[in-house]
Amino acid sequence: MSLPSRADALALVHAWTQSPSLRTHMLAVECAMRAYAARLGEEVERWGLAGLVHDFDYERYPNAAQAADAEHPAEGVRHLRAAGWPADICEAVLGHATYTGVPRVTRMARALFAVDELTGLITASALVKPSRSVHDVDVAGIRKKMKDKAFARGVNRDDIVQGAAALGVPLDEHLAVVLAAMQGAADTLGLAGTGAPSTPSAGGA
């Protein structure tokens, strides 16, 4: 089965998601997935696509009840499968939500779960810096923010820790890999920091 193009995946994200911050989150997860694929000798484009589309249905189907087979991510995966997306990407997207009960049996699936929450924590860590720059974030600072439960309350710290362990990567190393990936994509993620007041679109990123 041929791999969808990144342009097709991005078009899907934009068609289903209007929130700038949610779009940016998917881009952050994409860059983290690409970094891990390169590090592990896996298919960079394939892993990147899994990261890019993992939350594309979240805005339409937020799934507050955390139903295993309804709304996000099940509804999105039904759409992906109907469109002919590869089974391993579909399984990874299902598996990134623990409530689906879908086991993360591939390294792609384990990596997606491991980087998902972490990208959110790193983004939040950057946006509270005076510079609003991810370049001013470091691993020690991320560890400190992980311990501060009042900071970025929506980020599940356990998922980050368990995700790194499932990948077989020491936690500090995991933080460093994802941080470096996001620093490399800082402009795309709106986290380069300019010292000037952020535009509304960048402010939502």
N, C-alpha and C. Protein backbone atom coordinates (compact mmCIF):
# COMPACT_ATOMS: atom_id res chain seq x y z
N MET A 1 0.85 -1.19 0.00
CA MET A 1 0.00 0.00 0.00
C MET A 1 0.88 1.24 0.00
N SER A 2 0.63 2.16 -0.91
CA SER A 2 1.47 3.35 -1.01
C SER A 2 1.20 4.31 0.15
N LEU A 3 2.22 5.07 0.46
CA LEU A 3 2.14 6.02 1.56
C LEU A 3 1.48 7.31 1.08
N PRO A 4 0.53 7.83 1.84
CA PRO A 4 -0.05 9.13 1.45
C PRO A 4 1.05 10.19 1.45
N SER A 5 0.84 11.25 0.73
CA SER A 5 1.83 12.33 0.72
C SER A 5 1.65 13.21 1.95
N ARG A 6 2.71 13.91 2.31
CA ARG A 6 2.60 14.84 3.44
C ARG A 6 1.60 15.94 3.11
N ALA A 7 1.57 16.37 1.85
CA ALA A 7 0.63 17.41 1.45
C ALA A 7 -0.81 16.96 1.66
N ASP A 8 -1.09 15.70 1.37
CA ASP A 8 -2.43 15.16 1.59
C ASP A 8 -2.75 15.12 3.08
N ALA A 9 -1.77 14.72 3.88
CA ALA A 9 -1.98 14.66 5.33
C ALA A 9 -2.22 16.05 5.90
N LEU A 10 -1.44 17.01 5.43
CA LEU A 10 -1.60 18.38 5.92
C LEU A 10 -2.95 18.95 5.51
N ALA A 11 -3.39 18.63 4.31
CA ALA A 11 -4.71 19.08 3.84
C ALA A 11 -5.81 18.50 4.72
N LEU A 12 -5.64 17.26 5.13
CA LEU A 12 -6.61 16.61 6.02
C LEU A 12 -6.65 17.32 7.37
N VAL A 13 -5.48 17.61 7.91
CA VAL A 13 -5.40 18.33 9.19
C VAL A 13 -6.10 19.68 9.10
N HIS A 14 -5.85 20.41 8.03
CA HIS A 14 -6.44 21.74 7.89
C HIS A 14 -7.94 21.68 7.63
N ALA A 15 -8.39 20.64 6.95
CA ALA A 15 -9.83 20.50 6.68
C ALA A 15 -10.62 20.18 7.95
N TRP A 16 -10.01 19.42 8.84
CA TRP A 16 -10.72 18.95 10.03
C TRP A 16 -10.43 19.79 11.27
N THR A 17 -9.37 20.56 11.26
CA THR A 17 -8.94 21.27 12.47
C THR A 17 -8.75 22.75 12.18
N GLN A 18 -9.48 23.59 12.90
CA GLN A 18 -9.35 25.04 12.74
C GLN A 18 -8.46 25.67 13.80
N SER A 19 -8.33 25.03 14.95
CA SER A 19 -7.55 25.59 16.05
C SER A 19 -6.07 25.68 15.71
N PRO A 20 -5.48 26.88 15.74
CA PRO A 20 -4.05 27.02 15.47
C PRO A 20 -3.19 26.22 16.44
N SER A 21 -3.59 26.20 17.72
CA SER A 21 -2.78 25.48 18.71
C SER A 21 -2.81 23.98 18.49
N LEU A 22 -3.96 23.45 18.08
CA LEU A 22 -4.05 22.00 17.83
C LEU A 22 -3.29 21.64 16.55
N ARG A 23 -3.39 22.49 15.55
CA ARG A 23 -2.59 22.24 14.34
C ARG A 23 -1.10 22.23 14.67
N THR A 24 -0.69 23.20 15.48
CA THR A 24 0.72 23.29 15.85
C THR A 24 1.16 22.08 16.66
N HIS A 25 0.28 21.60 17.53
CA HIS A 25 0.59 20.41 18.31
C HIS A 25 0.88 19.23 17.37
N MET A 26 0.06 19.07 16.34
CA MET A 26 0.28 17.96 15.42
C MET A 26 1.61 18.12 14.66
N LEU A 27 1.95 19.35 14.33
CA LEU A 27 3.25 19.59 13.68
C LEU A 27 4.40 19.28 14.63
N ALA A 28 4.22 19.58 15.91
CA ALA A 28 5.26 19.29 16.90
C ALA A 28 5.46 17.78 17.06
N VAL A 29 4.35 17.06 17.11
CA VAL A 29 4.44 15.61 17.23
C VAL A 29 5.06 15.02 15.95
N GLU A 30 4.72 15.59 14.81
CA GLU A 30 5.32 15.14 13.56
C GLU A 30 6.84 15.28 13.61
N CYS A 31 7.34 16.44 14.03
CA CYS A 31 8.80 16.64 14.01
C CYS A 31 9.48 15.72 15.03
N ALA A 32 8.82 15.46 16.16
CA ALA A 32 9.39 14.54 17.15
C ALA A 32 9.43 13.12 16.61
N MET A 33 8.37 12.74 15.90
CA MET A 33 8.33 11.39 15.31
C MET A 33 9.40 11.23 14.23
N ARG A 34 9.59 12.25 13.43
CA ARG A 34 10.64 12.19 12.41
C ARG A 34 12.01 12.04 13.05
N ALA A 35 12.23 12.75 14.14
CA ALA A 35 13.52 12.67 14.83
C ALA A 35 13.75 11.27 15.37
N TYR A 36 12.73 10.67 15.95
CA TYR A 36 12.88 9.32 16.50
C TYR A 36 13.06 8.29 15.39
N ALA A 37 12.36 8.46 14.29
CA ALA A 37 12.51 7.52 13.18
C ALA A 37 13.95 7.54 12.66
N ALA A 38 14.50 8.74 12.52
CA ALA A 38 15.88 8.87 12.05
C ALA A 38 16.84 8.25 13.06
N ARG A 39 16.56 8.45 14.32
CA ARG A 39 17.42 7.94 15.38
C ARG A 39 17.40 6.40 15.43
N LEU A 40 16.23 5.83 15.15
CA LEU A 40 16.05 4.39 15.27
C LEU A 40 16.19 3.64 13.94
N GLY A 41 16.49 4.37 12.88
CA GLY A 41 16.65 3.73 11.58
C GLY A 41 15.35 3.28 10.96
N GLU A 42 14.28 4.00 11.28
CA GLU A 42 12.95 3.66 10.74
C GLU A 42 12.59 4.61 9.59
N GLU A 43 11.41 4.41 9.02
CA GLU A 43 10.97 5.24 7.89
C GLU A 43 10.53 6.62 8.39
N VAL A 44 11.34 7.62 8.11
CA VAL A 44 11.09 8.96 8.62
C VAL A 44 9.75 9.51 8.14
N GLU A 45 9.47 9.36 6.85
CA GLU A 45 8.23 9.91 6.30
C GLU A 45 7.01 9.22 6.91
N ARG A 46 7.10 7.91 7.05
CA ARG A 46 5.98 7.14 7.60
C ARG A 46 5.69 7.56 9.04
N TRP A 47 6.73 7.63 9.84
CA TRP A 47 6.56 8.03 11.24
C TRP A 47 6.06 9.46 11.34
N GLY A 48 6.57 10.32 10.46
CA GLY A 48 6.13 11.71 10.48
C GLY A 48 4.64 11.84 10.18
N LEU A 49 4.16 11.04 9.23
CA LEU A 49 2.74 11.08 8.89
C LEU A 49 1.88 10.65 10.08
N ALA A 50 2.33 9.64 10.80
CA ALA A 50 1.57 9.18 11.98
C ALA A 50 1.45 10.31 12.99
N GLY A 51 2.54 11.03 13.20
CA GLY A 51 2.50 12.15 14.12
C GLY A 51 1.62 13.27 13.63
N LEU A 52 1.68 13.55 12.35
CA LEU A 52 0.94 14.67 11.80
C LEU A 52 -0.57 14.49 11.88
N VAL A 53 -1.05 13.26 11.70
CA VAL A 53 -2.51 13.07 11.67
C VAL A 53 -3.09 12.51 12.97
N HIS A 54 -2.27 12.34 13.99
CA HIS A 54 -2.75 11.58 15.17
C HIS A 54 -3.94 12.23 15.87
N ASP A 55 -4.07 13.56 15.76
CA ASP A 55 -5.18 14.26 16.43
C ASP A 55 -6.09 14.98 15.44
N PHE A 56 -6.04 14.62 14.16
CA PHE A 56 -6.76 15.43 13.18
C PHE A 56 -8.27 15.46 13.41
N ASP A 57 -8.81 14.43 14.08
CA ASP A 57 -10.26 14.37 14.32
C ASP A 57 -10.66 14.89 15.69
N TYR A 58 -9.69 15.34 16.48
CA TYR A 58 -9.97 15.69 17.89
C TYR A 58 -10.95 16.86 18.01
N GLU A 59 -10.82 17.84 17.15
CA GLU A 59 -11.69 19.01 17.24
C GLU A 59 -13.15 18.65 16.96
N ARG A 60 -13.39 17.81 15.98
CA ARG A 60 -14.76 17.40 15.64
C ARG A 60 -15.31 16.38 16.62
N TYR A 61 -14.45 15.51 17.11
CA TYR A 61 -14.88 14.40 17.98
C TYR A 61 -14.01 14.33 19.24
N PRO A 62 -14.17 15.29 20.15
CA PRO A 62 -13.24 15.39 21.29
C PRO A 62 -13.27 14.22 22.29
N ASN A 63 -14.38 13.50 22.33
CA ASN A 63 -14.46 12.27 23.14
C ASN A 63 -14.22 12.49 24.64
N ALA A 64 -15.00 13.39 25.21
CA ALA A 64 -14.88 13.65 26.65
C ALA A 64 -15.15 12.41 27.49
N ALA A 65 -15.98 11.52 26.96
CA ALA A 65 -16.31 10.29 27.68
C ALA A 65 -15.24 9.22 27.55
N GLN A 66 -14.25 9.47 26.70
CA GLN A 66 -13.17 8.51 26.45
C GLN A 66 -13.72 7.14 26.03
N ALA A 67 -14.64 7.18 25.09
CA ALA A 67 -15.21 5.94 24.54
C ALA A 67 -14.15 5.25 23.69
N ALA A 68 -14.07 3.94 23.81
CA ALA A 68 -13.03 3.19 23.11
C ALA A 68 -13.22 3.16 21.61
N ASP A 69 -14.48 3.14 21.16
CA ASP A 69 -14.73 2.93 19.73
C ASP A 69 -15.61 4.02 19.12
N ALA A 70 -15.63 5.18 19.75
CA ALA A 70 -16.40 6.29 19.21
C ALA A 70 -15.59 7.57 19.38
N GLU A 71 -15.86 8.54 18.52
CA GLU A 71 -15.16 9.82 18.56
C GLU A 71 -13.64 9.64 18.42
N HIS A 72 -12.87 10.59 18.97
CA HIS A 72 -11.41 10.55 18.81
C HIS A 72 -10.78 9.44 19.64
N PRO A 73 -9.85 8.66 19.09
CA PRO A 73 -9.34 8.69 17.72
C PRO A 73 -10.03 7.68 16.78
N ALA A 74 -11.01 6.96 17.32
CA ALA A 74 -11.64 5.89 16.51
C ALA A 74 -12.29 6.44 15.25
N GLU A 75 -12.97 7.57 15.37
CA GLU A 75 -13.66 8.13 14.21
C GLU A 75 -12.66 8.54 13.14
N GLY A 76 -11.57 9.17 13.56
CA GLY A 76 -10.55 9.57 12.61
C GLY A 76 -9.91 8.38 11.92
N VAL A 77 -9.67 7.33 12.67
CA VAL A 77 -9.06 6.14 12.09
C VAL A 77 -9.99 5.47 11.10
N ARG A 78 -11.28 5.50 11.37
CA ARG A 78 -12.24 4.97 10.39
C ARG A 78 -12.11 5.73 9.07
N HIS A 79 -11.94 7.03 9.19
CA HIS A 79 -11.78 7.86 7.98
C HIS A 79 -10.47 7.51 7.27
N LEU A 80 -9.39 7.37 8.04
CA LEU A 80 -8.09 7.03 7.45
C LEU A 80 -8.15 5.68 6.73
N ARG A 81 -8.76 4.71 7.38
CA ARG A 81 -8.84 3.37 6.78
C ARG A 81 -9.66 3.40 5.49
N ALA A 82 -10.74 4.15 5.50
CA ALA A 82 -11.58 4.25 4.31
C ALA A 82 -10.82 4.91 3.16
N ALA A 83 -9.87 5.78 3.54
CA ALA A 83 -9.07 6.48 2.53
C ALA A 83 -7.84 5.69 2.12
N GLY A 84 -7.69 4.49 2.69
CA GLY A 84 -6.59 3.62 2.28
C GLY A 84 -5.27 3.85 2.99
N TRP A 85 -5.31 4.47 4.17
CA TRP A 85 -4.07 4.69 4.91
C TRP A 85 -3.52 3.35 5.43
N PRO A 86 -2.18 3.25 5.55
CA PRO A 86 -1.56 2.00 6.00
C PRO A 86 -2.03 1.58 7.39
N ALA A 87 -2.14 0.28 7.58
CA ALA A 87 -2.65 -0.27 8.83
C ALA A 87 -1.77 0.09 10.02
N ASP A 88 -0.45 0.12 9.83
CA ASP A 88 0.42 0.40 10.97
C ASP A 88 0.26 1.83 11.48
N ILE A 89 0.02 2.77 10.58
CA ILE A 89 -0.24 4.15 11.01
C ILE A 89 -1.57 4.22 11.74
N CYS A 90 -2.59 3.56 11.19
CA CYS A 90 -3.91 3.56 11.84
C CYS A 90 -3.84 2.96 13.24
N GLU A 91 -3.10 1.87 13.39
CA GLU A 91 -2.96 1.22 14.69
C GLU A 91 -2.21 2.12 15.68
N ALA A 92 -1.19 2.81 15.19
CA ALA A 92 -0.43 3.72 16.05
C ALA A 92 -1.31 4.87 16.53
N VAL A 93 -2.13 5.42 15.63
CA VAL A 93 -3.02 6.51 16.00
C VAL A 93 -4.04 6.03 17.04
N LEU A 94 -4.59 4.84 16.84
CA LEU A 94 -5.52 4.30 17.84
C LEU A 94 -4.83 4.10 19.18
N GLY A 95 -3.62 3.59 19.13
CA GLY A 95 -2.90 3.24 20.36
C GLY A 95 -2.41 4.42 21.17
N HIS A 96 -2.36 5.62 20.58
CA HIS A 96 -1.83 6.75 21.37
C HIS A 96 -2.81 7.19 22.45
N ALA A 97 -4.06 6.77 22.33
CA ALA A 97 -5.05 7.03 23.38
C ALA A 97 -5.23 5.75 24.19
N THR A 98 -4.85 5.79 25.45
CA THR A 98 -4.86 4.57 26.27
C THR A 98 -6.26 3.96 26.38
N TYR A 99 -7.29 4.82 26.35
CA TYR A 99 -8.66 4.31 26.56
C TYR A 99 -9.18 3.47 25.40
N THR A 100 -8.50 3.46 24.26
CA THR A 100 -8.97 2.60 23.17
C THR A 100 -8.70 1.13 23.45
N GLY A 101 -7.72 0.87 24.32
CA GLY A 101 -7.36 -0.50 24.63
C GLY A 101 -6.53 -1.17 23.54
N VAL A 102 -6.11 -0.40 22.54
CA VAL A 102 -5.30 -0.95 21.45
C VAL A 102 -3.84 -1.00 21.89
N PRO A 103 -3.23 -2.18 21.90
CA PRO A 103 -1.85 -2.29 22.37
C PRO A 103 -0.87 -1.63 21.40
N ARG A 104 0.18 -1.04 21.97
CA ARG A 104 1.21 -0.40 21.15
C ARG A 104 2.30 -1.43 20.89
N VAL A 105 2.17 -2.17 19.79
CA VAL A 105 3.07 -3.29 19.52
C VAL A 105 4.24 -2.91 18.62
N THR A 106 4.14 -1.79 17.92
CA THR A 106 5.24 -1.38 17.05
C THR A 106 6.02 -0.24 17.69
N ARG A 107 7.26 -0.06 17.23
CA ARG A 107 8.05 1.05 17.76
C ARG A 107 7.41 2.39 17.37
N MET A 108 6.78 2.43 16.20
CA MET A 108 6.10 3.65 15.80
C MET A 108 5.01 4.02 16.80
N ALA A 109 4.20 3.04 17.18
CA ALA A 109 3.11 3.28 18.12
C ALA A 109 3.64 3.70 19.48
N ARG A 110 4.71 3.05 19.91
CA ARG A 110 5.28 3.40 21.23
C ARG A 110 5.88 4.80 21.20
N ALA A 111 6.50 5.16 20.09
CA ALA A 111 7.09 6.49 19.98
C ALA A 111 6.00 7.57 19.96
N LEU A 112 4.92 7.32 19.24
CA LEU A 112 3.83 8.30 19.16
C LEU A 112 3.28 8.57 20.56
N PHE A 113 3.06 7.52 21.31
CA PHE A 113 2.57 7.68 22.68
C PHE A 113 3.58 8.45 23.54
N ALA A 114 4.85 8.15 23.36
CA ALA A 114 5.90 8.75 24.19
C ALA A 114 6.09 10.23 23.93
N VAL A 115 5.92 10.67 22.69
CA VAL A 115 6.20 12.07 22.37
C VAL A 115 4.97 12.97 22.48
N ASP A 116 3.79 12.41 22.43
CA ASP A 116 2.55 13.19 22.35
C ASP A 116 2.43 14.21 23.48
N GLU A 117 2.40 13.74 24.71
CA GLU A 117 2.24 14.65 25.85
C GLU A 117 3.47 15.53 26.04
N LEU A 118 4.63 14.97 25.75
CA LEU A 118 5.88 15.72 25.96
C LEU A 118 5.95 16.97 25.09
N THR A 119 5.48 16.88 23.85
CA THR A 119 5.52 18.07 23.00
C THR A 119 4.68 19.20 23.60
N GLY A 120 3.57 18.82 24.24
CA GLY A 120 2.73 19.82 24.89
C GLY A 120 3.44 20.49 26.06
N LEU A 121 4.16 19.69 26.83
CA LEU A 121 4.88 20.23 27.98
C LEU A 121 6.01 21.16 27.53
N ILE A 122 6.71 20.77 26.47
CA ILE A 122 7.80 21.60 25.97
C ILE A 122 7.25 22.91 25.39
N THR A 123 6.14 22.82 24.68
CA THR A 123 5.51 24.04 24.14
C THR A 123 5.14 24.98 25.27
N ALA A 124 4.49 24.46 26.30
CA ALA A 124 4.09 25.29 27.44
C ALA A 124 5.32 25.88 28.13
N SER A 125 6.38 25.10 28.23
CA SER A 125 7.61 25.57 28.88
C SER A 125 8.22 26.72 28.09
N ALA A 126 8.14 26.65 26.77
CA ALA A 126 8.68 27.72 25.94
C ALA A 126 7.86 29.00 26.05
N LEU A 127 6.54 28.84 26.09
CA LEU A 127 5.66 30.01 26.05
C LEU A 127 5.65 30.80 27.35
N VAL A 128 6.15 30.23 28.44
CA VAL A 128 6.24 31.01 29.69
C VAL A 128 7.60 31.69 29.83
N LYS A 129 8.51 31.41 28.90
CA LYS A 129 9.79 32.11 28.90
C LYS A 129 9.57 33.56 28.44
N PRO A 130 10.33 34.51 28.98
CA PRO A 130 10.20 35.89 28.50
C PRO A 130 10.39 36.00 26.99
N SER A 131 11.24 35.16 26.44
CA SER A 131 11.50 35.16 25.00
C SER A 131 10.46 34.41 24.19
N ARG A 132 9.65 33.59 24.88
CA ARG A 132 8.70 32.69 24.22
C ARG A 132 9.40 31.81 23.20
N SER A 133 10.63 31.43 23.51
CA SER A 133 11.45 30.65 22.59
C SER A 133 11.77 29.28 23.14
N VAL A 134 11.59 28.27 22.30
CA VAL A 134 11.94 26.90 22.69
C VAL A 134 13.46 26.74 22.82
N HIS A 135 14.20 27.66 22.23
CA HIS A 135 15.66 27.60 22.34
C HIS A 135 16.13 27.91 23.76
N ASP A 136 15.27 28.52 24.56
CA ASP A 136 15.62 28.83 25.94
C ASP A 136 15.14 27.76 26.93
N VAL A 137 14.63 26.67 26.40
CA VAL A 137 14.19 25.54 27.23
C VAL A 137 15.32 24.52 27.26
N ASP A 138 15.53 23.91 28.42
CA ASP A 138 16.53 22.84 28.52
C ASP A 138 15.94 21.65 29.27
N VAL A 139 16.66 20.55 29.27
CA VAL A 139 16.16 19.31 29.86
C VAL A 139 15.90 19.49 31.36
N ALA A 140 16.79 20.17 32.05
CA ALA A 140 16.61 20.39 33.49
C ALA A 140 15.33 21.17 33.75
N GLY A 141 15.05 22.15 32.90
CA GLY A 141 13.83 22.93 33.06
C GLY A 141 12.58 22.10 32.82
N ILE A 142 12.66 21.20 31.83
CA ILE A 142 11.51 20.32 31.56
C ILE A 142 11.26 19.40 32.75
N ARG A 143 12.35 18.85 33.31
CA ARG A 143 12.19 17.99 34.50
C ARG A 143 11.53 18.75 35.64
N LYS A 144 11.91 20.00 35.80
CA LYS A 144 11.33 20.83 36.87
C LYS A 144 9.84 21.05 36.62
N LYS A 145 9.49 21.32 35.38
CA LYS A 145 8.08 21.54 35.05
C LYS A 145 7.27 20.25 35.20
N MET A 146 7.89 19.11 34.97
CA MET A 146 7.19 17.84 35.16
C MET A 146 6.78 17.65 36.61
N LYS A 147 7.60 18.14 37.52
CA LYS A 147 7.31 17.99 38.95
C LYS A 147 6.28 18.99 39.44
N ASP A 148 6.11 20.08 38.72
CA ASP A 148 5.15 21.12 39.10
C ASP A 148 3.78 20.77 38.52
N LYS A 149 2.97 20.13 39.34
CA LYS A 149 1.68 19.63 38.85
C LYS A 149 0.72 20.75 38.48
N ALA A 150 0.97 21.95 39.00
CA ALA A 150 0.09 23.08 38.68
C ALA A 150 0.39 23.64 37.29
N PHE A 151 1.55 23.31 36.75
CA PHE A 151 1.95 23.81 35.44
C PHE A 151 1.44 22.88 34.34
N ALA A 152 0.80 23.47 33.32
CA ALA A 152 0.29 22.68 32.19
C ALA A 152 -0.44 21.44 32.71
N ARG A 153 -1.49 21.68 33.47
CA ARG A 153 -2.23 20.59 34.15
C ARG A 153 -2.74 19.52 33.19
N GLY A 154 -3.00 19.91 31.95
CA GLY A 154 -3.55 18.96 30.99
C GLY A 154 -2.55 17.94 30.49
N VAL A 155 -1.27 18.14 30.80
CA VAL A 155 -0.23 17.22 30.33
C VAL A 155 -0.10 16.04 31.30
N ASN A 156 -0.22 14.84 30.78
CA ASN A 156 -0.12 13.63 31.60
C ASN A 156 1.35 13.24 31.75
N ARG A 157 1.89 13.51 32.94
CA ARG A 157 3.31 13.21 33.18
C ARG A 157 3.60 11.71 33.14
N ASP A 158 2.65 10.92 33.61
CA ASP A 158 2.85 9.46 33.63
C ASP A 158 3.02 8.92 32.22
N ASP A 159 2.27 9.49 31.28
CA ASP A 159 2.40 9.03 29.89
C ASP A 159 3.81 9.29 29.36
N ILE A 160 4.39 10.42 29.75
CA ILE A 160 5.74 10.75 29.30
C ILE A 160 6.74 9.75 29.86
N VAL A 161 6.64 9.49 31.15
CA VAL A 161 7.58 8.57 31.82
C VAL A 161 7.41 7.15 31.30
N GLN A 162 6.16 6.69 31.25
CA GLN A 162 5.90 5.33 30.78
C GLN A 162 6.23 5.17 29.31
N GLY A 163 6.00 6.22 28.53
CA GLY A 163 6.29 6.17 27.11
C GLY A 163 7.77 6.01 26.84
N ALA A 164 8.59 6.77 27.58
CA ALA A 164 10.04 6.65 27.42
C ALA A 164 10.50 5.25 27.80
N ALA A 165 9.95 4.73 28.90
CA ALA A 165 10.34 3.40 29.36
C ALA A 165 9.98 2.33 28.33
N ALA A 166 8.79 2.47 27.72
CA ALA A 166 8.35 1.49 26.72
C ALA A 166 9.23 1.54 25.48
N LEU A 167 9.78 2.71 25.20
CA LEU A 167 10.69 2.85 24.06
C LEU A 167 12.10 2.34 24.40
N GLY A 168 12.36 2.20 25.69
CA GLY A 168 13.68 1.77 26.12
C GLY A 168 14.70 2.90 26.10
N VAL A 169 14.20 4.13 26.28
CA VAL A 169 15.07 5.31 26.26
C VAL A 169 15.05 5.96 27.64
N PRO A 170 16.22 6.24 28.24
CA PRO A 170 16.25 6.94 29.53
C PRO A 170 15.48 8.26 29.43
N LEU A 171 14.81 8.64 30.51
CA LEU A 171 13.92 9.79 30.46
C LEU A 171 14.62 11.07 30.00
N ASP A 172 15.78 11.39 30.57
CA ASP A 172 16.47 12.62 30.17
C ASP A 172 16.84 12.60 28.69
N GLU A 173 17.20 11.43 28.21
CA GLU A 173 17.55 11.29 26.79
C GLU A 173 16.30 11.51 25.93
N HIS A 174 15.19 10.97 26.39
CA HIS A 174 13.91 11.15 25.68
C HIS A 174 13.55 12.63 25.61
N LEU A 175 13.66 13.32 26.74
CA LEU A 175 13.36 14.75 26.76
C LEU A 175 14.26 15.50 25.78
N ALA A 176 15.53 15.12 25.76
CA ALA A 176 16.50 15.80 24.90
C ALA A 176 16.21 15.58 23.41
N VAL A 177 15.81 14.36 23.06
CA VAL A 177 15.51 14.05 21.65
C VAL A 177 14.34 14.92 21.16
N VAL A 178 13.27 14.95 21.94
CA VAL A 178 12.08 15.69 21.52
C VAL A 178 12.34 17.20 21.56
N LEU A 179 13.06 17.66 22.57
CA LEU A 179 13.39 19.08 22.65
C LEU A 179 14.21 19.52 21.44
N ALA A 180 15.23 18.74 21.09
CA ALA A 180 16.08 19.08 19.95
C ALA A 180 15.27 19.11 18.66
N ALA A 181 14.33 18.17 18.52
CA ALA A 181 13.48 18.13 17.33
C ALA A 181 12.64 19.40 17.23
N MET A 182 12.06 19.81 18.35
CA MET A 182 11.22 21.00 18.36
C MET A 182 12.05 22.27 18.18
N GLN A 183 13.24 22.28 18.71
CA GLN A 183 14.12 23.44 18.48
C GLN A 183 14.47 23.56 17.00
N GLY A 184 14.64 22.43 16.35
CA GLY A 184 14.95 22.43 14.93
C GLY A 184 13.79 22.90 14.06
N ALA A 185 12.58 22.83 14.61
CA ALA A 185 11.39 23.25 13.88
C ALA A 185 10.75 24.47 14.53
N ALA A 186 11.54 25.24 15.27
CA ALA A 186 11.01 26.34 16.07
C ALA A 186 10.20 27.35 15.25
N ASP A 187 10.69 27.68 14.07
CA ASP A 187 9.97 28.66 13.24
C ASP A 187 8.59 28.12 12.85
N THR A 188 8.54 26.88 12.41
CA THR A 188 7.28 26.26 12.00
C THR A 188 6.30 26.19 13.16
N LEU A 189 6.83 25.96 14.37
CA LEU A 189 5.98 25.78 15.55
C LEU A 189 5.63 27.09 16.24
N GLY A 190 6.13 28.21 15.71
CA GLY A 190 5.86 29.50 16.33
C GLY A 190 6.57 29.67 17.65
N LEU A 191 7.69 28.96 17.82
CA LEU A 191 8.40 28.98 19.10
C LEU A 191 9.83 29.50 18.96
N ALA A 192 10.10 30.23 17.89
CA ALA A 192 11.45 30.75 17.69
C ALA A 192 11.73 31.92 18.63
N GLY A 193 10.68 32.63 19.02
CA GLY A 193 10.86 33.76 19.92
C GLY A 193 11.44 34.96 19.20
N THR A 194 10.74 36.06 19.23
CA THR A 194 11.21 37.25 18.52
C THR A 194 11.45 38.42 19.47
N GLY A 195 10.95 38.28 20.69
CA GLY A 195 11.05 39.39 21.62
C GLY A 195 9.96 40.42 21.41
N ALA A 196 9.21 40.26 20.31
CA ALA A 196 8.10 41.17 20.04
C ALA A 196 6.79 40.52 20.46
N PRO A 197 5.75 41.30 20.69
CA PRO A 197 4.46 40.70 21.05
C PRO A 197 4.03 39.69 19.98
N SER A 198 3.50 38.58 20.41
CA SER A 198 3.10 37.54 19.47
C SER A 198 1.85 37.94 18.71
N THR A 199 1.76 37.50 17.48
CA THR A 199 0.53 37.69 16.72
C THR A 199 -0.52 36.75 17.27
N PRO A 200 -1.79 36.97 17.00
CA PRO A 200 -2.83 36.05 17.51
C PRO A 200 -2.59 34.61 17.11
N SER A 201 -2.14 34.38 15.87
CA SER A 201 -1.96 33.00 15.43
C SER A 201 -0.80 32.35 16.17
N ALA A 202 0.29 33.12 16.36
CA ALA A 202 1.43 32.56 17.09
C ALA A 202 1.10 32.39 18.56
N GLY A 203 0.25 33.30 19.08
CA GLY A 203 -0.11 33.21 20.48
C GLY A 203 -0.89 31.95 20.78
N GLY A 204 -1.59 31.42 19.79
CA GLY A 204 -2.34 30.20 20.02
C GLY A 204 -1.53 28.96 19.82
N ALA A 205 -0.30 29.14 19.38
CA ALA A 205 0.52 27.97 19.05
C ALA A 205 1.13 27.36 20.28
